[in-house]
């Protein structure tokens, strides 16, 4: 009977130690995740792509024209060989992106919503 009791206590201690190690690992991983997010200063969201093509000058023109007409909305030019993309906005939800797309669709007829990492909103 004592042997069974000692065996039970040993198994309990091993399980408790393993839970402690798992909790420590979870804490470490959570802290690492927070550090990475703080350094990136981005979050998953949406942008509207208003240009896609291999002409750099045209991409720059479209971005410049957009910024003149919509100075409060950010615009980004991205190069993925061999094409340039002009994307606008930092929308947290697809609904926000749809609302802005409705405002500019007459101006940029081929524009569409794309998921992207967007800047964190100002607090």
PDB file of N, CA and C in Angstrom:
ATOM      1  N   UNK A   1       0.821  -1.190   0.000  1.00  0.00           N
ATOM      2  CA  UNK A   1       0.000   0.000   0.000  1.00  0.00           C
ATOM      3  C   UNK A   1       0.870   1.261   0.000  1.00  0.00           C
ATOM      4  N   UNK A   2       1.940   1.252   0.782  1.00  0.00           N
ATOM      5  CA  UNK A   2       2.850   2.398   0.833  1.00  0.00           C
ATOM      6  C   UNK A   2       3.516   2.614  -0.526  1.00  0.00           C
ATOM      7  N   UNK A   3       3.836   1.519  -1.174  1.00  0.00           N
ATOM      8  CA  UNK A   3       4.476   1.607  -2.480  1.00  0.00           C
ATOM      9  C   UNK A   3       3.544   2.280  -3.493  1.00  0.00           C
ATOM     10  N   UNK A   4       2.274   1.914  -3.463  1.00  0.00           N
ATOM     11  CA  UNK A   4       1.295   2.522  -4.357  1.00  0.00           C
ATOM     12  C   UNK A   4       1.137   4.005  -4.040  1.00  0.00           C
ATOM     13  N   UNK A   5       1.093   4.348  -2.758  1.00  0.00           N
ATOM     14  CA  UNK A   5       0.981   5.744  -2.352  1.00  0.00           C
ATOM     15  C   UNK A   5       2.191   6.555  -2.800  1.00  0.00           C
ATOM     16  N   UNK A   6       3.407   6.017  -2.632  1.00  0.00           N
ATOM     17  CA  UNK A   6       4.622   6.711  -3.077  1.00  0.00           C
ATOM     18  C   UNK A   6       4.639   6.887  -4.605  1.00  0.00           C
ATOM     19  N   UNK A   7       4.208   5.846  -5.303  1.00  0.00           N
ATOM     20  CA  UNK A   7       4.141   5.921  -6.758  1.00  0.00           C
ATOM     21  C   UNK A   7       3.147   6.997  -7.195  1.00  0.00           C
ATOM     22  N   UNK A   8       2.000   7.046  -6.536  1.00  0.00           N
ATOM     23  CA  UNK A   8       0.987   8.054  -6.846  1.00  0.00           C
ATOM     24  C   UNK A   8       1.525   9.459  -6.594  1.00  0.00           C
ATOM     25  N   UNK A   9       2.220   9.676  -5.485  1.00  0.00           N
ATOM     26  CA  UNK A   9       2.799  10.990  -5.175  1.00  0.00           C
ATOM     27  C   UNK A   9       3.873  11.376  -6.187  1.00  0.00           C
ATOM     28  N   UNK A  10       4.677  10.428  -6.613  1.00  0.00           N
ATOM     29  CA  UNK A  10       5.731  10.710  -7.602  1.00  0.00           C
ATOM     30  C   UNK A  10       5.110  11.130  -8.933  1.00  0.00           C
ATOM     31  N   UNK A  11       4.081  10.415  -9.365  1.00  0.00           N
ATOM     32  CA  UNK A  11       3.410  10.746 -10.620  1.00  0.00           C
ATOM     33  C   UNK A  11       2.758  12.120 -10.515  1.00  0.00           C
ATOM     34  N   UNK A  12       2.166  12.424  -9.380  1.00  0.00           N
ATOM     35  CA  UNK A  12       1.533  13.739  -9.178  1.00  0.00           C
ATOM     36  C   UNK A  12       2.558  14.863  -9.268  1.00  0.00           C
ATOM     37  N   UNK A  13       3.726  14.661  -8.676  1.00  0.00           N
ATOM     38  CA  UNK A  13       4.778  15.683  -8.718  1.00  0.00           C
ATOM     39  C   UNK A  13       5.289  15.891 -10.141  1.00  0.00           C
ATOM     40  N   UNK A  14       5.436  14.815 -10.895  1.00  0.00           N
ATOM     41  CA  UNK A  14       5.892  14.919 -12.275  1.00  0.00           C
ATOM     42  C   UNK A  14       4.863  15.700 -13.105  1.00  0.00           C
ATOM     43  N   UNK A  15       3.586  15.379 -12.917  1.00  0.00           N
ATOM     44  CA  UNK A  15       2.524  16.085 -13.654  1.00  0.00           C
ATOM     45  C   UNK A  15       2.493  17.568 -13.298  1.00  0.00           C
ATOM     46  N   UNK A  16       2.661  17.890 -12.020  1.00  0.00           N
ATOM     47  CA  UNK A  16       2.661  19.286 -11.587  1.00  0.00           C
ATOM     48  C   UNK A  16       3.856  20.031 -12.178  1.00  0.00           C
ATOM     49  N   UNK A  17       5.018  19.387 -12.206  1.00  0.00           N
ATOM     50  CA  UNK A  17       6.207  20.016 -12.776  1.00  0.00           C
ATOM     51  C   UNK A  17       6.015  20.244 -14.279  1.00  0.00           C
ATOM     52  N   UNK A  18       5.401  19.275 -14.953  1.00  0.00           N
ATOM     53  CA  UNK A  18       5.176  19.427 -16.390  1.00  0.00           C
ATOM     54  C   UNK A  18       4.204  20.569 -16.661  1.00  0.00           C
ATOM     55  N   UNK A  19       3.147  20.705 -15.838  1.00  0.00           N
ATOM     56  CA  UNK A  19       2.202  21.805 -16.007  1.00  0.00           C
ATOM     57  C   UNK A  19       2.897  23.131 -15.793  1.00  0.00           C
ATOM     58  N   UNK A  20       3.787  23.194 -14.792  1.00  0.00           N
ATOM     59  CA  UNK A  20       4.540  24.418 -14.537  1.00  0.00           C
ATOM     60  C   UNK A  20       5.403  24.766 -15.749  1.00  0.00           C
ATOM     61  N   UNK A  21       6.049  23.781 -16.359  1.00  0.00           N
ATOM     62  CA  UNK A  21       6.874  24.025 -17.539  1.00  0.00           C
ATOM     63  C   UNK A  21       6.014  24.506 -18.704  1.00  0.00           C
ATOM     64  N   UNK A  22       4.824  23.904 -18.904  1.00  0.00           N
ATOM     65  CA  UNK A  22       3.932  24.330 -19.975  1.00  0.00           C
ATOM     66  C   UNK A  22       3.450  25.756 -19.755  1.00  0.00           C
ATOM     67  N   UNK A  23       3.124  26.101 -18.502  1.00  0.00           N
ATOM     68  CA  UNK A  23       2.693  27.462 -18.192  1.00  0.00           C
ATOM     69  C   UNK A  23       3.823  28.459 -18.445  1.00  0.00           C
ATOM     70  N   UNK A  24       5.037  28.091 -18.067  1.00  0.00           N
ATOM     71  CA  UNK A  24       6.186  28.969 -18.301  1.00  0.00           C
ATOM     72  C   UNK A  24       6.422  29.169 -19.796  1.00  0.00           C
ATOM     73  N   UNK A  25       6.302  28.103 -20.559  1.00  0.00           N
ATOM     74  CA  UNK A  25       6.478  28.197 -22.002  1.00  0.00           C
ATOM     75  C   UNK A  25       5.403  29.086 -22.620  1.00  0.00           C
ATOM     76  N   UNK A  26       4.166  28.930 -22.172  1.00  0.00           N
ATOM     77  CA  UNK A  26       3.078  29.767 -22.689  1.00  0.00           C
ATOM     78  C   UNK A  26       3.334  31.236 -22.377  1.00  0.00           C
ATOM     79  N   UNK A  27       3.814  31.524 -21.194  1.00  0.00           N
ATOM     80  CA  UNK A  27       4.124  32.908 -20.805  1.00  0.00           C
ATOM     81  C   UNK A  27       5.244  33.478 -21.675  1.00  0.00           C
ATOM     82  N   UNK A  28       6.287  32.687 -21.888  1.00  0.00           N
ATOM     83  CA  UNK A  28       7.411  33.134 -22.716  1.00  0.00           C
ATOM     84  C   UNK A  28       6.949  33.413 -24.145  1.00  0.00           C
ATOM     85  N   UNK A  29       6.147  32.506 -24.703  1.00  0.00           N
ATOM     86  CA  UNK A  29       5.660  32.685 -26.070  1.00  0.00           C
ATOM     87  C   UNK A  29       4.742  33.896 -26.190  1.00  0.00           C
ATOM     88  N   UNK A  30       3.910  34.125 -25.186  1.00  0.00           N
ATOM     89  CA  UNK A  30       3.023  35.293 -25.194  1.00  0.00           C
ATOM     90  C   UNK A  30       3.837  36.582 -25.164  1.00  0.00           C
ATOM     91  N   UNK A  31       4.857  36.626 -24.331  1.00  0.00           N
ATOM     92  CA  UNK A  31       5.709  37.816 -24.255  1.00  0.00           C
ATOM     93  C   UNK A  31       6.451  38.055 -25.566  1.00  0.00           C
ATOM     94  N   UNK A  32       6.916  36.984 -26.201  1.00  0.00           N
ATOM     95  CA  UNK A  32       7.612  37.116 -27.483  1.00  0.00           C
ATOM     96  C   UNK A  32       6.657  37.635 -28.559  1.00  0.00           C
ATOM     97  N   UNK A  33       5.422  37.136 -28.544  1.00  0.00           N
ATOM     98  CA  UNK A  33       4.406  37.582 -29.517  1.00  0.00           C
ATOM     99  C   UNK A  33       4.119  39.073 -29.342  1.00  0.00           C
ATOM    100  N   UNK A  34       4.005  39.529 -28.099  1.00  0.00           N
ATOM    101  CA  UNK A  34       3.765  40.951 -27.835  1.00  0.00           C
ATOM    102  C   UNK A  34       4.925  41.806 -28.321  1.00  0.00           C
ATOM    103  N   UNK A  35       6.148  41.333 -28.110  1.00  0.00           N
ATOM    104  CA  UNK A  35       7.330  42.085 -28.534  1.00  0.00           C
ATOM    105  C   UNK A  35       7.389  42.216 -30.056  1.00  0.00           C
ATOM    106  N   UNK A  36       7.095  41.135 -30.763  1.00  0.00           N
ATOM    107  CA  UNK A  36       7.108  41.170 -32.228  1.00  0.00           C
ATOM    108  C   UNK A  36       6.039  42.131 -32.740  1.00  0.00           C
ATOM    109  N   UNK A  37       4.836  42.067 -32.179  1.00  0.00           N
ATOM    110  CA  UNK A  37       3.756  42.968 -32.611  1.00  0.00           C
ATOM    111  C   UNK A  37       4.091  44.423 -32.328  1.00  0.00           C
ATOM    112  N   UNK A  38       4.718  44.690 -31.198  1.00  0.00           N
ATOM    113  CA  UNK A  38       5.072  46.073 -30.858  1.00  0.00           C
ATOM    114  C   UNK A  38       6.127  46.618 -31.812  1.00  0.00           C
ATOM    115  N   UNK A  39       7.042  45.774 -32.269  1.00  0.00           N
ATOM    116  CA  UNK A  39       8.091  46.247 -33.169  1.00  0.00           C
ATOM    117  C   UNK A  39       7.555  46.462 -34.590  1.00  0.00           C
ATOM    118  N   UNK A  40       6.582  45.659 -35.019  1.00  0.00           N
ATOM    119  CA  UNK A  40       6.028  45.804 -36.364  1.00  0.00           C
ATOM    120  C   UNK A  40       5.098  46.998 -36.470  1.00  0.00           C
ATOM    121  N   UNK A  41       4.363  47.284 -35.444  1.00  0.00           N
ATOM    122  CA  UNK A  41       3.386  48.366 -35.411  1.00  0.00           C
ATOM    123  C   UNK A  41       2.340  48.217 -36.525  1.00  0.00           C
ATOM    124  N   UNK A  42       1.986  46.976 -36.842  1.00  0.00           N
ATOM    125  CA  UNK A  42       0.948  46.710 -37.825  1.00  0.00           C
ATOM    126  C   UNK A  42      -0.020  45.687 -37.272  1.00  0.00           C
ATOM    127  N   UNK A  43      -1.130  45.550 -37.978  1.00  0.00           N
ATOM    128  CA  UNK A  43      -2.132  44.561 -37.611  1.00  0.00           C
ATOM    129  C   UNK A  43      -2.818  44.097 -38.895  1.00  0.00           C
ATOM    130  N   UNK A  44      -3.448  42.941 -38.871  1.00  0.00           N
ATOM    131  CA  UNK A  44      -4.169  42.501 -40.069  1.00  0.00           C
ATOM    132  C   UNK A  44      -5.348  43.430 -40.355  1.00  0.00           C
ATOM    133  N   UNK A  45      -5.509  43.779 -41.610  1.00  0.00           N
ATOM    134  CA  UNK A  45      -6.598  44.668 -41.998  1.00  0.00           C
ATOM    135  C   UNK A  45      -6.798  44.611 -43.502  1.00  0.00           C
ATOM    136  N   UNK A  46      -7.239  45.724 -44.072  1.00  0.00           N
ATOM    137  CA  UNK A  46      -7.556  45.774 -45.505  1.00  0.00           C
ATOM    138  C   UNK A  46      -7.072  47.074 -46.124  1.00  0.00           C
ATOM    139  N   UNK A  47      -6.741  46.974 -47.397  1.00  0.00           N
ATOM    140  CA  UNK A  47      -6.425  48.143 -48.214  1.00  0.00           C
ATOM    141  C   UNK A  47      -7.163  47.997 -49.533  1.00  0.00           C
ATOM    142  N   UNK A  48      -7.180  49.066 -50.292  1.00  0.00           N
ATOM    143  CA  UNK A  48      -7.796  49.040 -51.620  1.00  0.00           C
ATOM    144  C   UNK A  48      -6.683  49.192 -52.654  1.00  0.00           C
ATOM    145  N   UNK A  49      -6.604  48.230 -53.546  1.00  0.00           N
ATOM    146  CA  UNK A  49      -5.593  48.282 -54.599  1.00  0.00           C
ATOM    147  C   UNK A  49      -6.175  49.040 -55.780  1.00  0.00           C
ATOM    148  N   UNK A  50      -5.484  50.138 -56.141  1.00  0.00           N
ATOM    149  CA  UNK A  50      -6.003  50.983 -57.221  1.00  0.00           C
ATOM    150  C   UNK A  50      -5.169  50.871 -58.494  1.00  0.00           C
ATOM    151  N   UNK A  51      -4.003  50.228 -58.407  1.00  0.00           N
ATOM    152  CA  UNK A  51      -3.179  50.040 -59.602  1.00  0.00           C
ATOM    153  C   UNK A  51      -2.379  48.766 -59.476  1.00  0.00           C
ATOM    154  N   UNK A  52      -2.217  48.068 -60.614  1.00  0.00           N
ATOM    155  CA  UNK A  52      -1.366  46.891 -60.717  1.00  0.00           C
ATOM    156  C   UNK A  52      -0.802  46.872 -62.126  1.00  0.00           C
ATOM    157  N   UNK A  53       0.508  46.957 -62.237  1.00  0.00           N
ATOM    158  CA  UNK A  53       1.128  46.938 -63.557  1.00  0.00           C
ATOM    159  C   UNK A  53       2.633  47.058 -63.456  1.00  0.00           C
ATOM    160  N   UNK A  54       3.303  46.981 -64.611  1.00  0.00           N
ATOM    161  CA  UNK A  54       4.762  46.991 -64.593  1.00  0.00           C
ATOM    162  C   UNK A  54       5.365  48.358 -64.922  1.00  0.00           C
ATOM    163  N   UNK A  55       4.563  49.408 -64.930  1.00  0.00           N
ATOM    164  CA  UNK A  55       5.059  50.749 -65.244  1.00  0.00           C
ATOM    165  C   UNK A  55       5.220  51.566 -63.957  1.00  0.00           C
ATOM    166  N   UNK A  56       6.469  51.768 -63.575  1.00  0.00           N
ATOM    167  CA  UNK A  56       6.762  52.486 -62.335  1.00  0.00           C
ATOM    168  C   UNK A  56       6.248  53.928 -62.388  1.00  0.00           C
ATOM    169  N   UNK A  57       6.478  54.608 -63.498  1.00  0.00           N
ATOM    170  CA  UNK A  57       6.073  56.018 -63.617  1.00  0.00           C
ATOM    171  C   UNK A  57       4.556  56.143 -63.504  1.00  0.00           C
ATOM    172  N   UNK A  58       3.832  55.242 -64.149  1.00  0.00           N
ATOM    173  CA  UNK A  58       2.366  55.279 -64.060  1.00  0.00           C
ATOM    174  C   UNK A  58       1.901  55.025 -62.624  1.00  0.00           C
ATOM    175  N   UNK A  59       2.556  54.088 -61.934  1.00  0.00           N
ATOM    176  CA  UNK A  59       2.208  53.811 -60.536  1.00  0.00           C
ATOM    177  C   UNK A  59       2.435  55.045 -59.673  1.00  0.00           C
ATOM    178  N   UNK A  60       3.563  55.736 -59.899  1.00  0.00           N
ATOM    179  CA  UNK A  60       3.852  56.950 -59.132  1.00  0.00           C
ATOM    180  C   UNK A  60       2.833  58.053 -59.433  1.00  0.00           C
ATOM    181  N   UNK A  61       2.430  58.173 -60.686  1.00  0.00           N
ATOM    182  CA  UNK A  61       1.420  59.168 -61.064  1.00  0.00           C
ATOM    183  C   UNK A  61       0.088  58.892 -60.378  1.00  0.00           C
ATOM    184  N   UNK A  62      -0.318  57.639 -60.407  1.00  0.00           N
ATOM    185  CA  UNK A  62      -1.600  57.271 -59.793  1.00  0.00           C
ATOM    186  C   UNK A  62      -1.564  57.526 -58.292  1.00  0.00           C
ATOM    187  N   UNK A  63      -0.456  57.165 -57.652  1.00  0.00           N
ATOM    188  CA  UNK A  63      -0.322  57.410 -56.217  1.00  0.00           C
ATOM    189  C   UNK A  63      -0.373  58.913 -55.930  1.00  0.00           C
ATOM    190  N   UNK A  64       0.346  59.702 -56.716  1.00  0.00           N
ATOM    191  CA  UNK A  64       0.375  61.147 -56.529  1.00  0.00           C
ATOM    192  C   UNK A  64      -1.012  61.765 -56.727  1.00  0.00           C
ATOM    193  N   UNK A  65      -1.706  61.363 -57.790  1.00  0.00           N
ATOM    194  CA  UNK A  65      -3.059  61.872 -58.038  1.00  0.00           C
ATOM    195  C   UNK A  65      -4.010  61.496 -56.911  1.00  0.00           C
ATOM    196  N   UNK A  66      -3.887  60.274 -56.420  1.00  0.00           N
ATOM    197  CA  UNK A  66      -4.745  59.846 -55.319  1.00  0.00           C
ATOM    198  C   UNK A  66      -4.509  60.733 -54.096  1.00  0.00           C
ATOM    199  N   UNK A  67      -3.230  60.953 -53.752  1.00  0.00           N
ATOM    200  CA  UNK A  67      -2.911  61.753 -52.566  1.00  0.00           C
ATOM    201  C   UNK A  67      -3.374  63.201 -52.703  1.00  0.00           C
ATOM    202  N   UNK A  68      -3.387  63.730 -53.936  1.00  0.00           N
ATOM    203  CA  UNK A  68      -3.894  65.085 -54.133  1.00  0.00           C
ATOM    204  C   UNK A  68      -5.397  65.151 -53.889  1.00  0.00           C
ATOM    205  N   UNK A  69      -6.110  64.120 -54.317  1.00  0.00           N
ATOM    206  CA  UNK A  69      -7.569  64.106 -54.161  1.00  0.00           C
ATOM    207  C   UNK A  69      -8.025  63.630 -52.783  1.00  0.00           C
ATOM    208  N   UNK A  70      -7.201  62.842 -52.106  1.00  0.00           N
ATOM    209  CA  UNK A  70      -7.564  62.271 -50.803  1.00  0.00           C
ATOM    210  C   UNK A  70      -6.370  62.393 -49.849  1.00  0.00           C
ATOM    211  N   UNK A  71      -6.036  63.601 -49.413  1.00  0.00           N
ATOM    212  CA  UNK A  71      -4.820  63.798 -48.611  1.00  0.00           C
ATOM    213  C   UNK A  71      -4.838  63.136 -47.233  1.00  0.00           C
ATOM    214  N   UNK A  72      -6.007  62.799 -46.731  1.00  0.00           N
ATOM    215  CA  UNK A  72      -6.075  62.207 -45.389  1.00  0.00           C
ATOM    216  C   UNK A  72      -5.930  60.689 -45.398  1.00  0.00           C
ATOM    217  N   UNK A  73      -5.912  60.083 -46.579  1.00  0.00           N
ATOM    218  CA  UNK A  73      -5.806  58.632 -46.705  1.00  0.00           C
ATOM    219  C   UNK A  73      -4.390  58.282 -47.163  1.00  0.00           C
ATOM    220  N   UNK A  74      -3.758  57.329 -46.482  1.00  0.00           N
ATOM    221  CA  UNK A  74      -2.405  56.903 -46.836  1.00  0.00           C
ATOM    222  C   UNK A  74      -2.401  56.118 -48.136  1.00  0.00           C
ATOM    223  N   UNK A  75      -1.299  56.245 -48.885  1.00  0.00           N
ATOM    224  CA  UNK A  75      -1.131  55.499 -50.136  1.00  0.00           C
ATOM    225  C   UNK A  75       0.250  54.848 -50.125  1.00  0.00           C
ATOM    226  N   UNK A  76       0.325  53.638 -50.635  1.00  0.00           N
ATOM    227  CA  UNK A  76       1.558  52.857 -50.609  1.00  0.00           C
ATOM    228  C   UNK A  76       1.822  52.279 -51.991  1.00  0.00           C
ATOM    229  N   UNK A  77       3.081  52.355 -52.415  1.00  0.00           N
ATOM    230  CA  UNK A  77       3.471  51.705 -53.653  1.00  0.00           C
ATOM    231  C   UNK A  77       4.381  50.536 -53.286  1.00  0.00           C
ATOM    232  N   UNK A  78       4.022  49.360 -53.771  1.00  0.00           N
ATOM    233  CA  UNK A  78       4.759  48.138 -53.455  1.00  0.00           C
ATOM    234  C   UNK A  78       5.252  47.531 -54.762  1.00  0.00           C
ATOM    235  N   UNK A  79       6.457  47.002 -54.739  1.00  0.00           N
ATOM    236  CA  UNK A  79       7.001  46.350 -55.925  1.00  0.00           C
ATOM    237  C   UNK A  79       7.153  44.860 -55.651  1.00  0.00           C
ATOM    238  N   UNK A  80       6.452  44.050 -56.415  1.00  0.00           N
ATOM    239  CA  UNK A  80       6.623  42.598 -56.429  1.00  0.00           C
ATOM    240  C   UNK A  80       6.981  42.243 -57.857  1.00  0.00           C
ATOM    241  N   UNK A  81       8.226  41.932 -58.066  1.00  0.00           N
ATOM    242  CA  UNK A  81       8.758  41.737 -59.411  1.00  0.00           C
ATOM    243  C   UNK A  81       7.836  40.899 -60.269  1.00  0.00           C
ATOM    244  N   UNK A  82       7.464  41.323 -61.421  1.00  0.00           N
ATOM    245  CA  UNK A  82       7.872  42.524 -62.156  1.00  0.00           C
ATOM    246  C   UNK A  82       6.840  43.641 -62.082  1.00  0.00           C
ATOM    247  N   UNK A  83       5.930  43.600 -61.113  1.00  0.00           N
ATOM    248  CA  UNK A  83       4.808  44.551 -61.093  1.00  0.00           C
ATOM    249  C   UNK A  83       4.849  45.494 -59.899  1.00  0.00           C
ATOM    250  N   UNK A  84       4.242  46.656 -60.130  1.00  0.00           N
ATOM    251  CA  UNK A  84       4.036  47.635 -59.070  1.00  0.00           C
ATOM    252  C   UNK A  84       2.563  47.600 -58.665  1.00  0.00           C
ATOM    253  N   UNK A  85       2.334  47.801 -57.370  1.00  0.00           N
ATOM    254  CA  UNK A  85       0.965  47.871 -56.858  1.00  0.00           C
ATOM    255  C   UNK A  85       0.831  49.167 -56.073  1.00  0.00           C
ATOM    256  N   UNK A  86      -0.276  49.832 -56.270  1.00  0.00           N
ATOM    257  CA  UNK A  86      -0.580  51.006 -55.457  1.00  0.00           C
ATOM    258  C   UNK A  86      -1.794  50.633 -54.617  1.00  0.00           C
ATOM    259  N   UNK A  87      -1.598  50.676 -53.310  1.00  0.00           N
ATOM    260  CA  UNK A  87      -2.670  50.345 -52.374  1.00  0.00           C
ATOM    261  C   UNK A  87      -2.907  51.538 -51.462  1.00  0.00           C
ATOM    262  N   UNK A  88      -4.160  51.723 -51.095  1.00  0.00           N
ATOM    263  CA  UNK A  88      -4.510  52.895 -50.293  1.00  0.00           C
ATOM    264  C   UNK A  88      -5.314  52.490 -49.060  1.00  0.00           C
ATOM    265  N   UNK A  89      -5.161  53.292 -48.015  1.00  0.00           N
ATOM    266  CA  UNK A  89      -5.955  53.115 -46.810  1.00  0.00           C
ATOM    267  C   UNK A  89      -5.316  52.184 -45.798  1.00  0.00           C
ATOM    268  N   UNK A  90      -5.786  52.301 -44.584  1.00  0.00           N
ATOM    269  CA  UNK A  90      -5.428  51.430 -43.466  1.00  0.00           C
ATOM    270  C   UNK A  90      -6.728  51.087 -42.750  1.00  0.00           C
ATOM    271  N   UNK A  91      -7.487  50.177 -43.326  1.00  0.00           N
ATOM    272  CA  UNK A  91      -8.814  49.862 -42.803  1.00  0.00           C
ATOM    273  C   UNK A  91      -8.749  48.645 -41.895  1.00  0.00           C
ATOM    274  N   UNK A  92      -9.312  48.775 -40.696  1.00  0.00           N
ATOM    275  CA  UNK A  92      -9.308  47.661 -39.746  1.00  0.00           C
ATOM    276  C   UNK A  92     -10.303  46.584 -40.131  1.00  0.00           C
ATOM    277  N   UNK A  93     -11.416  46.982 -40.729  1.00  0.00           N
ATOM    278  CA  UNK A  93     -12.443  46.001 -41.091  1.00  0.00           C
ATOM    279  C   UNK A  93     -12.742  46.085 -42.581  1.00  0.00           C
ATOM    280  N   UNK A  94     -13.268  45.012 -43.097  1.00  0.00           N
ATOM    281  CA  UNK A  94     -13.643  44.986 -44.515  1.00  0.00           C
ATOM    282  C   UNK A  94     -14.772  45.984 -44.777  1.00  0.00           C
ATOM    283  N   UNK A  95     -15.650  46.165 -43.791  1.00  0.00           N
ATOM    284  CA  UNK A  95     -16.759  47.105 -43.938  1.00  0.00           C
ATOM    285  C   UNK A  95     -16.258  48.537 -44.155  1.00  0.00           C
ATOM    286  N   UNK A  96     -15.221  48.941 -43.417  1.00  0.00           N
ATOM    287  CA  UNK A  96     -14.628  50.266 -43.617  1.00  0.00           C
ATOM    288  C   UNK A  96     -14.071  50.392 -45.032  1.00  0.00           C
ATOM    289  N   UNK A  97     -13.395  49.333 -45.493  1.00  0.00           N
ATOM    290  CA  UNK A  97     -12.807  49.345 -46.838  1.00  0.00           C
ATOM    291  C   UNK A  97     -13.892  49.431 -47.912  1.00  0.00           C
ATOM    292  N   UNK A  98     -14.986  48.712 -47.724  1.00  0.00           N
ATOM    293  CA  UNK A  98     -16.088  48.748 -48.690  1.00  0.00           C
ATOM    294  C   UNK A  98     -16.662  50.156 -48.776  1.00  0.00           C
ATOM    295  N   UNK A  99     -16.819  50.814 -47.640  1.00  0.00           N
ATOM    296  CA  UNK A  99     -17.348  52.182 -47.633  1.00  0.00           C
ATOM    297  C   UNK A  99     -16.478  53.133 -48.433  1.00  0.00           C
ATOM    298  N   UNK A 100     -15.157  53.030 -48.266  1.00  0.00           N
ATOM    299  CA  UNK A 100     -14.268  53.920 -49.014  1.00  0.00           C
ATOM    300  C   UNK A 100     -14.210  53.518 -50.488  1.00  0.00           C
ATOM    301  N   UNK A 101     -14.260  52.223 -50.770  1.00  0.00           N
ATOM    302  CA  UNK A 101     -14.265  51.763 -52.157  1.00  0.00           C
ATOM    303  C   UNK A 101     -15.445  52.346 -52.920  1.00  0.00           C
ATOM    304  N   UNK A 102     -16.595  52.420 -52.277  1.00  0.00           N
ATOM    305  CA  UNK A 102     -17.783  53.016 -52.911  1.00  0.00           C
ATOM    306  C   UNK A 102     -17.536  54.478 -53.268  1.00  0.00           C
ATOM    307  N   UNK A 103     -16.729  55.178 -52.458  1.00  0.00           N
ATOM    308  CA  UNK A 103     -16.450  56.594 -52.708  1.00  0.00           C
ATOM    309  C   UNK A 103     -15.506  56.796 -53.893  1.00  0.00           C
ATOM    310  N   UNK A 104     -14.597  55.839 -54.142  1.00  0.00           N
ATOM    311  CA  UNK A 104     -13.580  56.058 -55.177  1.00  0.00           C
ATOM    312  C   UNK A 104     -13.761  55.175 -56.411  1.00  0.00           C
ATOM    313  N   UNK A 105     -14.776  54.334 -56.437  1.00  0.00           N
ATOM    314  CA  UNK A 105     -14.891  53.391 -57.551  1.00  0.00           C
ATOM    315  C   UNK A 105     -15.135  54.072 -58.898  1.00  0.00           C
ATOM    316  N   UNK A 106     -15.738  55.252 -58.908  1.00  0.00           N
ATOM    317  CA  UNK A 106     -15.916  55.969 -60.181  1.00  0.00           C
ATOM    318  C   UNK A 106     -14.575  56.513 -60.683  1.00  0.00           C
ATOM    319  N   UNK A 107     -13.668  56.814 -59.763  1.00  0.00           N
ATOM    320  CA  UNK A 107     -12.357  57.385 -60.085  1.00  0.00           C
ATOM    321  C   UNK A 107     -11.347  56.290 -60.475  1.00  0.00           C
ATOM    322  N   UNK A 108     -11.421  55.146 -59.788  1.00  0.00           N
ATOM    323  CA  UNK A 108     -10.521  54.020 -60.032  1.00  0.00           C
ATOM    324  C   UNK A 108     -11.382  52.788 -60.295  1.00  0.00           C
ATOM    325  N   UNK A 109     -11.751  52.596 -61.537  1.00  0.00           N
ATOM    326  CA  UNK A 109     -12.750  51.591 -61.909  1.00  0.00           C
ATOM    327  C   UNK A 109     -12.318  50.155 -61.653  1.00  0.00           C
ATOM    328  N   UNK A 110     -11.018  49.888 -61.679  1.00  0.00           N
ATOM    329  CA  UNK A 110     -10.549  48.508 -61.480  1.00  0.00           C
ATOM    330  C   UNK A 110     -10.080  48.253 -60.051  1.00  0.00           C
ATOM    331  N   UNK A 111     -10.392  49.140 -59.133  1.00  0.00           N
ATOM    332  CA  UNK A 111      -9.930  48.977 -57.748  1.00  0.00           C
ATOM    333  C   UNK A 111     -10.706  47.865 -57.043  1.00  0.00           C
ATOM    334  N   UNK A 112     -10.012  47.249 -56.068  1.00  0.00           N
ATOM    335  CA  UNK A 112     -10.633  46.176 -55.295  1.00  0.00           C
ATOM    336  C   UNK A 112      -9.964  46.077 -53.931  1.00  0.00           C
ATOM    337  N   UNK A 113     -10.624  45.397 -53.005  1.00  0.00           N
ATOM    338  CA  UNK A 113     -10.159  45.275 -51.623  1.00  0.00           C
ATOM    339  C   UNK A 113      -9.215  44.086 -51.506  1.00  0.00           C
ATOM    340  N   UNK A 114      -8.114  44.296 -50.765  1.00  0.00           N
ATOM    341  CA  UNK A 114      -7.158  43.215 -50.513  1.00  0.00           C
ATOM    342  C   UNK A 114      -6.824  43.171 -49.025  1.00  0.00           C
ATOM    343  N   UNK A 115      -6.664  41.967 -48.474  1.00  0.00           N
ATOM    344  CA  UNK A 115      -6.186  41.876 -47.102  1.00  0.00           C
ATOM    345  C   UNK A 115      -4.708  42.275 -47.061  1.00  0.00           C
ATOM    346  N   UNK A 116      -4.314  42.989 -46.020  1.00  0.00           N
ATOM    347  CA  UNK A 116      -2.930  43.465 -45.908  1.00  0.00           C
ATOM    348  C   UNK A 116      -2.645  43.784 -44.451  1.00  0.00           C
ATOM    349  N   UNK A 117      -1.369  43.904 -44.107  1.00  0.00           N
ATOM    350  CA  UNK A 117      -1.006  44.393 -42.792  1.00  0.00           C
ATOM    351  C   UNK A 117      -1.071  45.911 -42.837  1.00  0.00           C
ATOM    352  N   UNK A 118      -1.846  46.499 -41.949  1.00  0.00           N
ATOM    353  CA  UNK A 118      -2.072  47.939 -41.949  1.00  0.00           C
ATOM    354  C   UNK A 118      -1.461  48.565 -40.703  1.00  0.00           C
ATOM    355  N   UNK A 119      -1.223  49.865 -40.772  1.00  0.00           N
ATOM    356  CA  UNK A 119      -0.690  50.583 -39.613  1.00  0.00           C
ATOM    357  C   UNK A 119      -1.686  50.558 -38.471  1.00  0.00           C
ATOM    358  N   UNK A 120      -1.168  50.524 -37.268  1.00  0.00           N
ATOM    359  CA  UNK A 120      -2.048  50.580 -36.100  1.00  0.00           C
ATOM    360  C   UNK A 120      -2.718  51.943 -36.032  1.00  0.00           C
ATOM    361  N   UNK A 121      -3.987  51.983 -35.657  1.00  0.00           N
ATOM    362  CA  UNK A 121      -4.670  53.275 -35.567  1.00  0.00           C
ATOM    363  C   UNK A 121      -4.125  54.117 -34.424  1.00  0.00           C
ATOM    364  N   UNK A 122      -4.192  55.430 -34.570  1.00  0.00           N
ATOM    365  CA  UNK A 122      -3.779  56.347 -33.501  1.00  0.00           C
ATOM    366  C   UNK A 122      -4.779  56.233 -32.348  1.00  0.00           C
ATOM    367  N   UNK A 123      -4.251  56.291 -31.152  1.00  0.00           N
ATOM    368  CA  UNK A 123      -5.130  56.204 -29.972  1.00  0.00           C
ATOM    369  C   UNK A 123      -5.504  57.556 -29.459  1.00  0.00           C
TER     370      UNK A 123
END
